[in-house]
Amino acid sequence: MKTPFLLPSPDSTIAPYSCSTVRDGRSSSIGSYNSESEYRYGPEQATSAAIKQFSYTKVALAFALFVSLVAAVVASAILLRASPHPRAFRMPLQPQIWNPDLRREFSTEPLAKSVIRKFDAYNMARGGRDDAATFNANVNMYMAPDMLYESVGFGTWSTPAGWAQGEEMNYGNAFPQTIFTQMLFFGDQRIATTTTYGRALWEGDLFGVKAPHQWVNLRITDFYNMREESPGHARISYNFMMIDWADALRQIGRRMLPRPKLEEGLVLPPAANDGVPAPLSVIVQAEARDEKAARAIAEAAFHQDWTGTGDSAQNWHDDLTFYGPGGIGLARNLSDYKNHVLGPFRAAFVYRTAVVDLSACEGNYCALFGRLNGHGVGEWLGLPSVGHDVSFRFAMHYRVVGDKVHEGWAIFDFPGLFTDLGLDFYALAAAGGRFQDNSQA
C-alpha cells in the first residue's frame, strides 16, 4: 500500500519543513552522493602497473566483504530455525507511535488545543516519510474513525483516510510549496481553532483555473471539534477548513468581487506580546485572563454587527483593526468598519440571523464559526443578491481588550454565497473572474 503523501497542514502549529523535505524525508543541496569523490589518485607519473594493482586490491576487498555478508545471512537463518522462540529474532510488526515530545511550556494547554498541537507536530515531523501502516496508526491516534472533514473548495470527506486523500489530491497538487505562518491558535476542552496565512507557490491547475506559476498569500482558518473518549484523551470528530479564495484569485488577476474601498491583502498576527501563534496558554493562565468575560463581549459584538438593527458597533474600540476577507478589506478604525464593512451588508439583507455551530475562547481570544442568513433587498459586493435567501458560512476570531473588541479576523464562504445566488464561483474563476481587473492590487 502506498504511503499517503501528507503536506504540512494549513493549521500547523510548528515551523514547517520545506516541501522537498516533506516529500522526500530529507533534503540535500549537493545532489546524489558519489563515493568516488572521496578518493585521491596518485600523480600522473604513477605506473600503470601500480594503478592496476590498486584496482585488484579493491576488487579483492569487495569480494571478501560479499562473502562475509553471505555467511552472516546464512548463520542468522540457521539460528532462526534452531531457536525455540523464532519470533525473538524477527523485526517487530507493530507500527511505531511517534512521541511528540513537546516543550514543557505547552503541557498545560486545554485538551482540544493539545490534541491539535501534537497532531500537527506529527504531520510536520513525519508526514510523507512513514510507511502506510505507521502513518495510519499515528493519524488514528488523533482522528476518530468516523471523523468528518468539510472544506470550502476541497469538498467533504469522511474518515481519516478521506481527509488524507482530500488534502493530497487537492491542496498538494495545486500548491506543492507552502510556508505557513499561524497567527492565532487557541481552544478549550472541546473546540480548537486556528487562523493562518500561507505563502504558497501556485503550480498546479485548480478548479479549472490554469496554474499561474506564482507565489500567492492564502488566508486559511480551521475549526476542530473533539470527542473526549476518556479523561484526558480526545480525538478529532469534525474539522472545517476554509481558504479565502476570492482573495487568492484576486492576486492572480481573477477578481470575483469588485475592488473595495478598503485595502486588501494585508493580514497580521495580533498586536500583542501573546506569542505567535497567539495566545500562549501558559501566559493566559498565569495572568488569569477572564475568558467568560471575553466570550460575552465577542458574542455581543458578533450578533450586534451582523444580525442586529441600527448602525451602531458599540462593542469595538475606536482604534480597532478588522482584517476582512477579499472583497471587503482591512478596516483600521471604527468609522471605516461601520461604513465599509457593516453598512453595505446591513443595507443589502433583511431578516438577518446567525447560527453559531462552534465557538471557543481562551483568555481574551474568542472564535465563532457558523452561518449567516438573510434575505436580499439590495446588492452586496457587486452580487445580484436582491430577492435571494442566502445562508453562507463564516469564521470570526476576536481579541478582546478591556470591555471591548480591539482586533478581528474574518473569512466568508464566498463560493457558497455564489451558489445561493445562482452563480458558479469556480466556473467564473476559470473563465477569468467576474470582474476584469488585472492590476492584482
Protein backbone atom coordinates (compact mmCIF):
# COMPACT_ATOMS: atom_id res chain seq x y z
CA MET A 1 0.00 0.00 0.00
CA LYS A 2 1.37 3.36 -1.00
CA THR A 3 2.25 5.71 1.85
CA PRO A 4 -0.07 8.73 1.70
CA PHE A 5 1.73 11.94 0.83
CA LEU A 6 0.95 14.47 3.53
CA LEU A 7 1.74 18.14 3.21
CA PRO A 8 2.07 20.26 6.34
CA SER A 9 -1.49 21.01 7.32
CA PRO A 10 -2.64 24.63 6.79
CA ASP A 11 -3.09 24.98 10.52
CA SER A 12 0.32 23.69 11.53
CA THR A 13 1.42 24.78 14.99
CA ILE A 14 5.15 24.44 14.42
CA ALA A 15 7.55 25.74 11.81
CA PRO A 16 7.12 23.68 8.61
CA TYR A 17 9.77 21.88 6.67
CA SER A 18 10.29 22.82 3.06
CA CYS A 19 8.15 20.90 0.63
CA SER A 20 11.17 18.92 -0.63
CA THR A 21 11.85 17.77 2.92
CA VAL A 22 8.25 16.64 3.38
CA ARG A 23 8.11 14.75 0.11
CA ASP A 24 11.49 13.04 0.31
CA GLY A 25 12.13 12.74 4.03
CA ARG A 26 15.44 14.51 3.51
CA SER A 27 16.95 17.47 1.71
CA SER A 28 20.32 17.94 0.10
CA SER A 29 21.98 20.76 -1.77
CA ILE A 30 24.66 18.58 -3.31
CA GLY A 31 22.62 16.00 -5.21
CA SER A 32 23.46 12.31 -5.21
CA TYR A 33 26.45 11.16 -3.21
CA ASN A 34 29.41 9.88 -5.20
CA SER A 35 31.75 7.73 -3.13
CA GLU A 36 34.45 8.08 -5.73
CA SER A 37 34.82 11.74 -4.81
CA GLU A 38 36.40 10.59 -1.52
CA TYR A 39 39.39 9.11 -3.30
CA ARG A 40 42.52 10.95 -4.45
CA TYR A 41 44.52 9.47 -7.26
CA GLY A 42 48.30 9.48 -7.36
CA PRO A 43 50.47 11.76 -9.51
CA GLU A 44 50.43 11.35 -13.26
CA GLN A 45 53.85 9.61 -13.27
CA ALA A 46 52.39 6.62 -11.35
CA THR A 47 52.92 3.46 -13.34
CA SER A 48 50.02 1.63 -14.95
CA ALA A 49 51.01 -1.45 -13.02
CA ALA A 50 50.53 0.37 -9.74
CA ILE A 51 47.11 1.57 -10.83
CA LYS A 52 46.10 -1.95 -11.85
CA GLN A 53 47.33 -3.34 -8.53
CA PHE A 54 45.16 -0.76 -6.69
CA SER A 55 42.12 -1.85 -8.72
CA TYR A 56 42.79 -5.53 -7.99
CA THR A 57 43.04 -4.76 -4.29
CA LYS A 58 39.64 -3.02 -4.33
CA VAL A 59 38.06 -5.99 -6.10
CA ALA A 60 39.53 -8.42 -3.58
CA LEU A 61 38.24 -6.38 -0.67
CA ALA A 62 34.79 -6.16 -2.20
CA PHE A 63 34.68 -9.91 -2.76
CA ALA A 64 35.73 -10.58 0.83
CA LEU A 65 33.02 -8.26 2.10
CA PHE A 66 30.41 -10.03 -0.04
CA VAL A 67 31.43 -13.45 1.30
CA SER A 68 31.22 -12.17 4.87
CA LEU A 69 27.71 -10.82 4.32
CA VAL A 70 26.50 -14.10 2.80
CA ALA A 71 27.94 -16.02 5.73
CA ALA A 72 26.20 -13.71 8.20
CA VAL A 73 22.83 -14.18 6.47
CA VAL A 74 23.20 -17.97 6.43
CA ALA A 75 24.19 -18.03 10.09
CA SER A 76 21.18 -15.90 11.02
CA ALA A 77 18.86 -18.24 9.14
CA ILE A 78 20.28 -21.29 10.92
CA LEU A 79 19.88 -19.65 14.33
CA LEU A 80 16.32 -18.61 13.49
CA ARG A 81 15.35 -22.18 12.59
CA ALA A 82 17.09 -23.68 15.62
CA SER A 83 15.61 -21.24 18.13
CA PRO A 84 12.66 -22.50 20.20
CA HIS A 85 11.35 -18.94 20.06
CA PRO A 86 11.87 -17.84 16.45
CA ARG A 87 9.76 -14.70 16.95
CA ALA A 88 12.51 -13.27 19.11
CA PHE A 89 14.69 -12.87 16.03
CA ARG A 90 12.05 -11.14 13.88
CA MET A 91 11.55 -7.44 13.39
CA PRO A 92 8.55 -6.06 15.29
CA LEU A 93 5.44 -5.96 13.13
CA GLN A 94 3.58 -3.27 15.03
CA PRO A 95 3.96 0.27 13.66
CA GLN A 96 5.72 2.76 15.86
CA ILE A 97 3.75 5.56 17.51
CA TRP A 98 5.55 8.87 17.28
CA ASN A 99 6.31 10.74 20.51
CA PRO A 100 5.72 14.49 20.04
CA ASP A 101 7.98 15.37 23.00
CA LEU A 102 6.53 18.86 23.32
CA ARG A 103 8.08 21.63 25.34
CA ARG A 104 7.11 21.85 29.00
CA GLU A 105 5.51 25.26 28.35
CA PHE A 106 2.79 23.51 26.29
CA SER A 107 1.93 20.95 28.97
CA THR A 108 -0.94 22.98 30.45
CA GLU A 109 -2.78 23.65 27.20
CA PRO A 110 -6.52 22.89 27.05
CA LEU A 111 -7.28 19.39 25.80
CA ALA A 112 -8.51 20.28 22.30
CA LYS A 113 -5.57 22.60 21.67
CA SER A 114 -3.12 19.99 22.93
CA VAL A 115 -4.51 17.34 20.56
CA ILE A 116 -4.10 19.63 17.55
CA ARG A 117 -0.60 20.66 18.55
CA LYS A 118 0.51 17.02 18.78
CA PHE A 119 -1.27 16.06 15.57
CA ASP A 120 0.33 18.91 13.65
CA ALA A 121 3.72 18.12 15.16
CA TYR A 122 3.49 14.58 13.80
CA ASN A 123 2.44 15.86 10.37
CA MET A 124 5.40 18.19 10.20
CA ALA A 125 7.99 15.76 11.52
CA ARG A 126 6.90 12.54 9.79
CA GLY A 127 4.44 13.46 7.01
CA GLY A 128 5.37 11.65 3.79
CA ARG A 129 8.17 9.66 5.47
CA ASP A 130 6.45 6.86 7.35
CA ASP A 131 5.12 3.68 5.75
CA ALA A 132 1.36 3.41 5.31
CA ALA A 133 0.79 1.30 8.43
CA THR A 134 2.76 3.68 10.64
CA PHE A 135 1.13 6.75 9.11
CA ASN A 136 -2.39 5.35 9.60
CA ALA A 137 -1.64 4.24 13.16
CA ASN A 138 -0.41 7.71 14.11
CA VAL A 139 -3.23 9.57 12.36
CA ASN A 140 -5.73 7.33 14.11
CA MET A 141 -4.28 8.45 17.44
CA TYR A 142 -5.73 11.90 16.78
CA MET A 143 -8.67 11.39 14.40
CA ALA A 144 -11.80 9.44 15.24
CA PRO A 145 -12.66 6.69 12.71
CA ASP A 146 -15.90 8.46 11.78
CA MET A 147 -14.35 11.93 11.60
CA LEU A 148 -16.00 14.38 9.18
CA TYR A 149 -13.81 16.81 7.21
CA GLU A 150 -15.52 19.73 5.45
CA SER A 151 -13.79 22.38 3.40
CA VAL A 152 -14.50 25.26 1.07
CA GLY A 153 -13.25 24.18 -2.32
CA PHE A 154 -11.84 20.76 -1.48
CA GLY A 155 -15.11 19.03 -0.71
CA THR A 156 -16.36 16.94 2.19
CA TRP A 157 -14.63 13.75 3.29
CA SER A 158 -15.29 11.20 6.00
CA THR A 159 -12.81 9.04 7.89
CA PRO A 160 -9.12 9.85 8.39
CA ALA A 161 -8.30 8.20 5.05
CA GLY A 162 -10.74 10.50 3.31
CA TRP A 163 -9.18 13.50 5.00
CA ALA A 164 -5.71 12.49 3.80
CA GLN A 165 -6.96 11.90 0.27
CA GLY A 166 -8.66 15.29 0.13
CA GLU A 167 -5.58 17.12 1.33
CA GLU A 168 -3.22 15.28 -1.01
CA MET A 169 -5.23 15.31 -4.21
CA ASN A 170 -6.36 18.91 -3.96
CA TYR A 171 -4.13 21.23 -1.98
CA GLY A 172 -0.90 19.32 -2.50
CA ASN A 173 -1.20 19.16 -6.28
CA ALA A 174 -2.00 22.86 -6.64
CA PHE A 175 0.41 24.22 -4.04
CA PRO A 176 3.48 21.95 -3.83
CA GLN A 177 5.37 24.52 -1.76
CA THR A 178 3.85 26.44 1.14
CA ILE A 179 5.32 28.22 4.13
CA PHE A 180 2.65 28.65 6.79
CA THR A 181 2.57 31.36 9.44
CA GLN A 182 -0.04 30.66 12.05
CA MET A 183 -1.36 33.83 13.63
CA LEU A 184 -3.95 32.50 16.08
CA PHE A 185 -4.20 29.11 17.74
CA PHE A 186 -6.40 28.57 20.77
CA GLY A 187 -9.13 26.43 22.21
CA ASP A 188 -10.79 24.84 25.22
CA GLN A 189 -11.52 21.27 26.25
CA ARG A 190 -13.69 20.50 23.19
CA ILE A 191 -13.01 23.07 20.44
CA ALA A 192 -9.77 24.28 18.87
CA THR A 193 -9.28 26.83 16.11
CA THR A 194 -6.59 28.46 14.03
CA THR A 195 -6.22 31.27 11.54
CA THR A 196 -3.19 31.27 9.31
CA TYR A 197 -1.62 32.73 6.23
CA GLY A 198 0.47 30.64 3.88
CA ARG A 199 2.90 31.89 1.27
CA ALA A 200 2.22 29.30 -1.43
CA LEU A 201 3.59 28.60 -4.89
CA TRP A 202 0.56 28.03 -7.12
CA GLU A 203 1.96 25.46 -9.54
CA GLY A 204 -0.98 23.20 -10.39
CA ASP A 205 -4.33 23.72 -12.11
CA LEU A 206 -7.20 24.11 -9.64
CA PHE A 207 -10.97 24.46 -10.10
CA GLY A 208 -10.36 24.77 -13.83
CA VAL A 209 -8.05 27.73 -13.23
CA LYS A 210 -4.76 27.33 -15.05
CA ALA A 211 -1.75 27.37 -12.78
CA PRO A 212 -0.36 30.92 -12.64
CA HIS A 213 3.09 29.69 -11.51
CA GLN A 214 3.46 32.43 -8.96
CA TRP A 215 3.56 32.89 -5.20
CA VAL A 216 0.31 33.89 -3.53
CA ASN A 217 -0.81 34.56 0.03
CA LEU A 218 -3.52 32.19 1.25
CA ARG A 219 -5.69 33.09 4.21
CA ILE A 220 -6.80 29.92 5.99
CA THR A 221 -8.92 29.07 9.00
CA ASP A 222 -9.72 25.78 10.75
CA PHE A 223 -12.17 24.73 13.44
CA TYR A 224 -11.96 21.37 15.23
CA ASN A 225 -14.48 19.55 17.38
CA MET A 226 -13.15 16.90 19.75
CA ARG A 227 -14.71 13.79 21.18
CA GLU A 228 -13.31 13.03 24.63
CA GLU A 229 -13.12 9.26 24.79
CA SER A 230 -11.58 9.00 28.24
CA PRO A 231 -10.30 11.50 30.80
CA GLY A 232 -7.50 13.47 29.17
CA HIS A 233 -7.78 11.67 25.81
CA ALA A 234 -9.72 13.03 22.83
CA ARG A 235 -9.78 12.64 19.08
CA ILE A 236 -10.98 14.92 16.26
CA SER A 237 -14.57 14.19 15.28
CA TYR A 238 -15.02 17.20 12.96
CA ASN A 239 -12.74 19.57 11.06
CA PHE A 240 -13.80 22.56 8.97
CA MET A 241 -11.22 24.28 6.77
CA MET A 242 -11.77 27.41 4.70
CA ILE A 243 -9.45 29.36 2.40
CA ASP A 244 -10.24 32.90 1.26
CA TRP A 245 -10.48 32.02 -2.43
CA ALA A 246 -11.73 35.45 -3.50
CA ASP A 247 -8.54 36.97 -2.14
CA ALA A 248 -6.31 34.26 -3.65
CA LEU A 249 -7.86 34.69 -7.10
CA ARG A 250 -7.54 38.46 -6.87
CA GLN A 251 -3.79 38.05 -6.60
CA ILE A 252 -3.60 36.26 -9.96
CA GLY A 253 -5.79 38.78 -11.77
CA ARG A 254 -9.13 36.94 -11.49
CA ARG A 255 -11.37 39.19 -9.43
CA MET A 256 -14.52 37.56 -8.14
CA LEU A 257 -15.64 40.65 -6.21
CA PRO A 258 -15.23 44.33 -7.10
CA ARG A 259 -12.35 46.33 -5.67
CA PRO A 260 -13.42 47.60 -2.23
CA LYS A 261 -12.71 50.99 -0.75
CA LEU A 262 -10.58 49.42 1.95
CA GLU A 263 -7.10 47.96 1.49
CA GLU A 264 -6.96 44.28 0.53
CA GLY A 265 -4.32 41.65 1.04
CA LEU A 266 -2.77 42.54 4.39
CA VAL A 267 -3.34 40.25 7.37
CA LEU A 268 -1.18 40.19 10.50
CA PRO A 269 -0.90 38.39 13.85
CA PRO A 270 -2.31 40.15 16.94
CA ALA A 271 -0.74 43.45 18.00
CA ALA A 272 0.14 41.97 21.38
CA ASN A 273 3.02 40.12 23.03
CA ASP A 274 0.98 36.94 23.36
CA GLY A 275 3.20 34.77 21.18
CA VAL A 276 2.82 33.75 17.56
CA PRO A 277 0.54 31.98 17.20
CA ALA A 278 -1.43 33.68 19.95
CA PRO A 279 -2.14 33.16 22.70
CA LEU A 280 0.38 31.16 24.69
CA SER A 281 -1.73 29.16 27.11
CA VAL A 282 0.82 29.36 29.91
CA ILE A 283 0.73 33.18 29.77
CA VAL A 284 -3.08 33.31 29.62
CA GLN A 285 -3.24 31.06 32.68
CA ALA A 286 -0.53 32.89 34.62
CA GLU A 287 -2.33 36.20 34.12
CA ALA A 288 -5.75 34.67 34.87
CA ARG A 289 -7.38 36.26 31.83
CA ASP A 290 -11.16 36.07 32.04
CA GLU A 291 -12.41 34.02 29.11
CA LYS A 292 -16.03 34.20 30.27
CA ALA A 293 -15.98 37.98 30.10
CA ALA A 294 -14.22 37.85 26.71
CA ARG A 295 -16.83 35.45 25.37
CA ALA A 296 -19.69 37.71 26.41
CA ILE A 297 -18.07 40.70 24.68
CA ALA A 298 -17.16 38.82 21.49
CA GLU A 299 -20.59 37.24 21.13
CA ALA A 300 -22.30 40.58 21.75
CA ALA A 301 -20.12 42.22 19.08
CA PHE A 302 -20.80 39.48 16.57
CA HIS A 303 -24.58 39.44 16.97
CA GLN A 304 -24.94 43.22 17.07
CA ASP A 305 -22.74 43.66 13.99
CA TRP A 306 -24.22 41.01 11.72
CA THR A 307 -27.77 40.37 12.94
CA GLY A 308 -28.70 43.46 14.96
CA THR A 309 -30.67 46.52 13.96
CA GLY A 310 -29.41 50.08 13.73
CA ASP A 311 -25.99 51.27 12.68
CA SER A 312 -24.01 51.02 15.92
CA ALA A 313 -20.96 48.92 16.71
CA GLN A 314 -20.60 49.75 20.37
CA ASN A 315 -18.61 46.66 21.31
CA TRP A 316 -15.46 47.78 19.45
CA HIS A 317 -12.68 50.18 20.37
CA ASP A 318 -12.45 53.28 18.21
CA ASP A 319 -8.92 52.37 17.05
CA LEU A 320 -9.91 48.82 16.08
CA THR A 321 -8.29 46.66 13.43
CA PHE A 322 -10.52 44.35 11.40
CA TYR A 323 -8.95 42.04 8.83
CA GLY A 324 -11.83 41.39 6.47
CA PRO A 325 -11.78 38.89 3.60
CA GLY A 326 -11.10 39.64 -0.04
CA GLY A 327 -13.74 42.00 -1.41
CA ILE A 328 -14.16 43.74 1.96
CA GLY A 329 -10.67 44.59 3.15
CA LEU A 330 -8.88 45.99 6.18
CA ALA A 331 -10.63 48.48 8.49
CA ARG A 332 -8.28 50.44 10.76
CA ASN A 333 -10.84 52.41 12.77
CA LEU A 334 -14.44 52.27 13.90
CA SER A 335 -15.67 54.63 11.20
CA ASP A 336 -14.29 52.51 8.37
CA TYR A 337 -15.63 49.36 9.99
CA LYS A 338 -19.15 50.75 10.24
CA ASN A 339 -19.19 52.41 6.81
CA HIS A 340 -17.39 49.88 4.64
CA VAL A 341 -17.81 46.55 6.41
CA LEU A 342 -21.10 46.51 8.28
CA GLY A 343 -23.04 49.20 6.42
CA PRO A 344 -23.17 47.51 2.99
CA PHE A 345 -24.12 44.14 4.50
CA ARG A 346 -26.88 45.60 6.67
CA ALA A 347 -28.29 47.54 3.70
CA ALA A 348 -28.28 44.50 1.43
CA PHE A 349 -30.04 41.98 3.70
CA VAL A 350 -33.05 41.92 5.96
CA TYR A 351 -34.21 39.22 8.37
CA ARG A 352 -30.58 38.64 9.23
CA THR A 353 -29.86 35.74 11.58
CA ALA A 354 -26.82 33.73 12.56
CA VAL A 355 -26.31 30.12 13.60
CA VAL A 356 -23.13 29.51 15.59
CA ASP A 357 -22.05 25.88 15.19
CA LEU A 358 -18.74 26.01 17.04
CA SER A 359 -17.16 28.55 19.36
CA ALA A 360 -14.17 28.65 21.65
CA CYS A 361 -12.46 31.15 23.92
CA GLU A 362 -9.09 31.06 25.62
CA GLY A 363 -8.17 34.01 27.77
CA ASN A 364 -9.16 37.16 25.88
CA TYR A 365 -9.32 35.43 22.47
CA CYS A 366 -12.58 34.10 21.05
CA ALA A 367 -13.73 32.49 17.80
CA LEU A 368 -17.09 31.67 16.27
CA PHE A 369 -17.96 29.51 13.27
CA GLY A 370 -21.37 29.02 11.66
CA ARG A 371 -23.74 30.50 9.09
CA LEU A 372 -25.06 33.96 8.31
CA ASN A 373 -28.58 34.05 6.89
CA GLY A 374 -30.63 36.80 5.31
CA HIS A 375 -32.98 37.90 2.54
CA GLY A 376 -31.52 40.13 -0.15
CA VAL A 377 -33.07 43.55 -0.75
CA GLY A 378 -30.01 45.14 -2.36
CA GLU A 379 -26.71 44.26 -3.96
CA TRP A 380 -23.80 43.26 -1.76
CA LEU A 381 -20.23 43.27 -3.02
CA GLY A 382 -21.46 43.67 -6.57
CA LEU A 383 -23.51 40.47 -6.38
CA PRO A 384 -27.15 40.11 -7.52
CA SER A 385 -28.50 39.33 -4.06
CA VAL A 386 -31.90 41.04 -4.45
CA GLY A 387 -34.74 38.57 -3.84
CA HIS A 388 -32.45 35.75 -2.77
CA ASP A 389 -32.35 33.94 0.55
CA VAL A 390 -28.76 33.27 1.47
CA SER A 391 -27.00 31.12 4.05
CA PHE A 392 -23.21 31.14 3.92
CA ARG A 393 -20.51 30.08 6.34
CA PHE A 394 -18.39 32.49 8.33
CA ALA A 395 -15.34 32.25 10.59
CA MET A 396 -14.66 35.06 13.09
CA HIS A 397 -11.76 35.50 15.50
CA TYR A 398 -11.59 38.26 18.11
CA ARG A 399 -9.06 39.72 20.53
CA VAL A 400 -10.77 41.45 23.43
CA VAL A 401 -9.04 44.21 25.36
CA GLY A 402 -10.80 45.53 28.46
CA ASP A 403 -14.52 45.65 27.82
CA LYS A 404 -14.41 45.84 24.00
CA VAL A 405 -13.01 44.09 20.94
CA HIS A 406 -9.76 45.52 19.63
CA GLU A 407 -8.92 43.20 16.72
CA GLY A 408 -10.92 40.91 14.47
CA TRP A 409 -10.20 38.43 11.66
CA ALA A 410 -12.93 37.20 9.29
CA ILE A 411 -13.24 34.81 6.33
CA PHE A 412 -16.51 34.17 4.47
CA ASP A 413 -17.57 31.25 2.28
CA PHE A 414 -18.00 33.30 -0.89
CA PRO A 415 -18.20 30.22 -3.16
CA GLY A 416 -21.19 29.09 -1.10
CA LEU A 417 -22.76 32.56 -1.34
CA PHE A 418 -22.35 32.48 -5.11
CA THR A 419 -24.21 29.17 -5.19
CA ASP A 420 -27.10 30.70 -3.24
CA LEU A 421 -27.28 33.44 -5.89
CA GLY A 422 -27.30 31.00 -8.80
CA LEU A 423 -23.66 31.64 -9.74
CA ASP A 424 -20.83 29.15 -10.18
CA PHE A 425 -17.87 30.65 -8.36
CA TYR A 426 -15.28 28.23 -9.73
CA ALA A 427 -16.52 28.30 -13.33
CA LEU A 428 -16.43 32.10 -13.27
CA ALA A 429 -12.91 31.98 -11.85
CA ALA A 430 -11.80 29.60 -14.59
CA ALA A 431 -13.26 31.95 -17.20
CA GLY A 432 -11.12 34.82 -15.92
CA GLY A 433 -13.10 36.15 -12.96
CA ARG A 434 -16.33 38.06 -12.59
CA PHE A 435 -14.72 41.48 -12.62
CA GLN A 436 -11.96 42.29 -15.08
CA ASP A 437 -9.09 43.65 -13.06
CA ASN A 438 -5.57 42.63 -13.92
CA SER A 439 -3.88 45.02 -11.53
CA GLN A 440 -3.69 42.31 -8.84
CA ALA A 441 -3.79 45.12 -6.28
